[in-house]
Amino acid sequence: MENNDLKLKKLKKEQKLKSNKDELLNSYINSSKNLEDKIAVIKMKNSIDKSSFISSLRKMMKNK
């Protein structure tokens, strides 16, 4: 049982870190006025997580 609790805690920490990283990148995308900077951040997100890349691209295109 303790092993499952440790795995759950580890998973929660990983998800929280991923969420914080996504929030940081998204805030940079939203605050940047330069389109090239936004594209660079979105490309970086693509290398990290494919689904995050698609959602960022959709959000950016919806705002334009």
C-alpha atoms as a PDB file:
ATOM      1  CA  MET A   1       0.000   0.000   0.000  1.00  0.00           C
ATOM      2  CA  GLU A   2       2.837   2.388   0.812  1.00  0.00           C
ATOM      3  CA  ASN A   3       4.307   1.785  -2.644  1.00  0.00           C
ATOM      4  CA  ASN A   4       1.070   2.888  -4.285  1.00  0.00           C
ATOM      5  CA  ASP A   5       0.966   6.007  -2.108  1.00  0.00           C
ATOM      6  CA  LEU A   6       4.526   6.882  -3.111  1.00  0.00           C
ATOM      7  CA  LYS A   7       3.708   6.385  -6.790  1.00  0.00           C
ATOM      8  CA  LEU A   8       0.634   8.573  -6.442  1.00  0.00           C
ATOM      9  CA  LYS A   9       2.606  11.340  -4.717  1.00  0.00           C
ATOM     10  CA  LYS A  10       5.275  11.166  -7.417  1.00  0.00           C
ATOM     11  CA  LEU A  11       2.657  11.375 -10.167  1.00  0.00           C
ATOM     12  CA  LYS A  12       0.987  14.357  -8.495  1.00  0.00           C
ATOM     13  CA  LYS A  13       4.347  16.167  -8.233  1.00  0.00           C
ATOM     14  CA  GLU A  14       5.119  15.491 -11.895  1.00  0.00           C
ATOM     15  CA  GLN A  15       1.708  16.760 -12.985  1.00  0.00           C
ATOM     16  CA  LYS A  16       2.059  19.896 -10.848  1.00  0.00           C
ATOM     17  CA  LEU A  17       5.494  20.644 -12.320  1.00  0.00           C
ATOM     18  CA  LYS A  18       4.184  20.096 -15.836  1.00  0.00           C
ATOM     19  CA  SER A  19       1.249  22.385 -15.136  1.00  0.00           C
ATOM     20  CA  ASN A  20       3.540  25.094 -13.752  1.00  0.00           C
ATOM     21  CA  LYS A  21       5.788  24.849 -16.807  1.00  0.00           C
ATOM     22  CA  ASP A  22       2.793  25.114 -19.133  1.00  0.00           C
ATOM     23  CA  GLU A  23       1.499  28.151 -17.260  1.00  0.00           C
ATOM     24  CA  LEU A  24       4.888  29.835 -17.520  1.00  0.00           C
ATOM     25  CA  LEU A  25       5.157  29.187 -21.255  1.00  0.00           C
ATOM     26  CA  ASN A  26       1.574  30.253 -21.872  1.00  0.00           C
ATOM     27  CA  SER A  27       2.103  33.480 -19.958  1.00  0.00           C
ATOM     28  CA  TYR A  28       5.116  34.238 -22.147  1.00  0.00           C
ATOM     29  CA  ILE A  29       3.088  33.535 -25.282  1.00  0.00           C
ATOM     30  CA  ASN A  30       0.298  35.826 -24.087  1.00  0.00           C
ATOM     31  CA  SER A  31       2.594  38.654 -23.002  1.00  0.00           C
ATOM     32  CA  SER A  32       4.864  38.656 -26.045  1.00  0.00           C
ATOM     33  CA  LYS A  33       3.984  41.063 -28.829  1.00  0.00           C
ATOM     34  CA  ASN A  34       6.465  39.617 -31.299  1.00  0.00           C
ATOM     35  CA  LEU A  35       5.014  36.807 -33.421  1.00  0.00           C
ATOM     36  CA  GLU A  36       8.429  35.184 -33.921  1.00  0.00           C
ATOM     37  CA  ASP A  37       8.888  34.876 -30.150  1.00  0.00           C
ATOM     38  CA  LYS A  38       5.473  33.270 -29.828  1.00  0.00           C
ATOM     39  CA  ILE A  39       6.302  30.778 -32.565  1.00  0.00           C
ATOM     40  CA  ALA A  40       9.634  29.951 -30.908  1.00  0.00           C
ATOM     41  CA  VAL A  41       7.913  29.182 -27.606  1.00  0.00           C
ATOM     42  CA  ILE A  42       5.287  27.070 -29.349  1.00  0.00           C
ATOM     43  CA  LYS A  43       8.029  25.102 -31.130  1.00  0.00           C
ATOM     44  CA  MET A  44       9.706  24.518 -27.785  1.00  0.00           C
ATOM     45  CA  LYS A  45       6.400  23.267 -26.388  1.00  0.00           C
ATOM     46  CA  ASN A  46       6.174  20.903 -29.355  1.00  0.00           C
ATOM     47  CA  SER A  47       9.461  19.293 -28.391  1.00  0.00           C
ATOM     48  CA  ILE A  48       8.174  18.868 -24.833  1.00  0.00           C
ATOM     49  CA  ASP A  49       4.608  17.711 -25.428  1.00  0.00           C
ATOM     50  CA  LYS A  50       2.732  17.248 -28.713  1.00  0.00           C
ATOM     51  CA  SER A  51      -0.760  17.843 -27.292  1.00  0.00           C
ATOM     52  CA  SER A  52       0.393  21.018 -25.571  1.00  0.00           C
ATOM     53  CA  PHE A  53       1.772  22.245 -28.884  1.00  0.00           C
ATOM     54  CA  ILE A  54      -1.561  21.800 -30.638  1.00  0.00           C
ATOM     55  CA  SER A  55      -3.543  23.528 -27.902  1.00  0.00           C
ATOM     56  CA  SER A  56      -1.112  26.477 -27.838  1.00  0.00           C
ATOM     57  CA  LEU A  57      -1.272  26.852 -31.580  1.00  0.00           C
ATOM     58  CA  ARG A  58      -5.076  26.821 -31.551  1.00  0.00           C
ATOM     59  CA  LYS A  59      -5.180  29.371 -28.753  1.00  0.00           C
ATOM     60  CA  MET A  60      -2.745  31.681 -30.530  1.00  0.00           C
ATOM     61  CA  MET A  61      -4.647  31.458 -33.822  1.00  0.00           C
ATOM     62  CA  LYS A  62      -7.965  32.112 -32.069  1.00  0.00           C
ATOM     63  CA  ASN A  63      -6.540  35.285 -30.497  1.00  0.00           C
ATOM     64  CA  LYS A  64      -5.335  36.682 -33.858  1.00  0.00           C
END
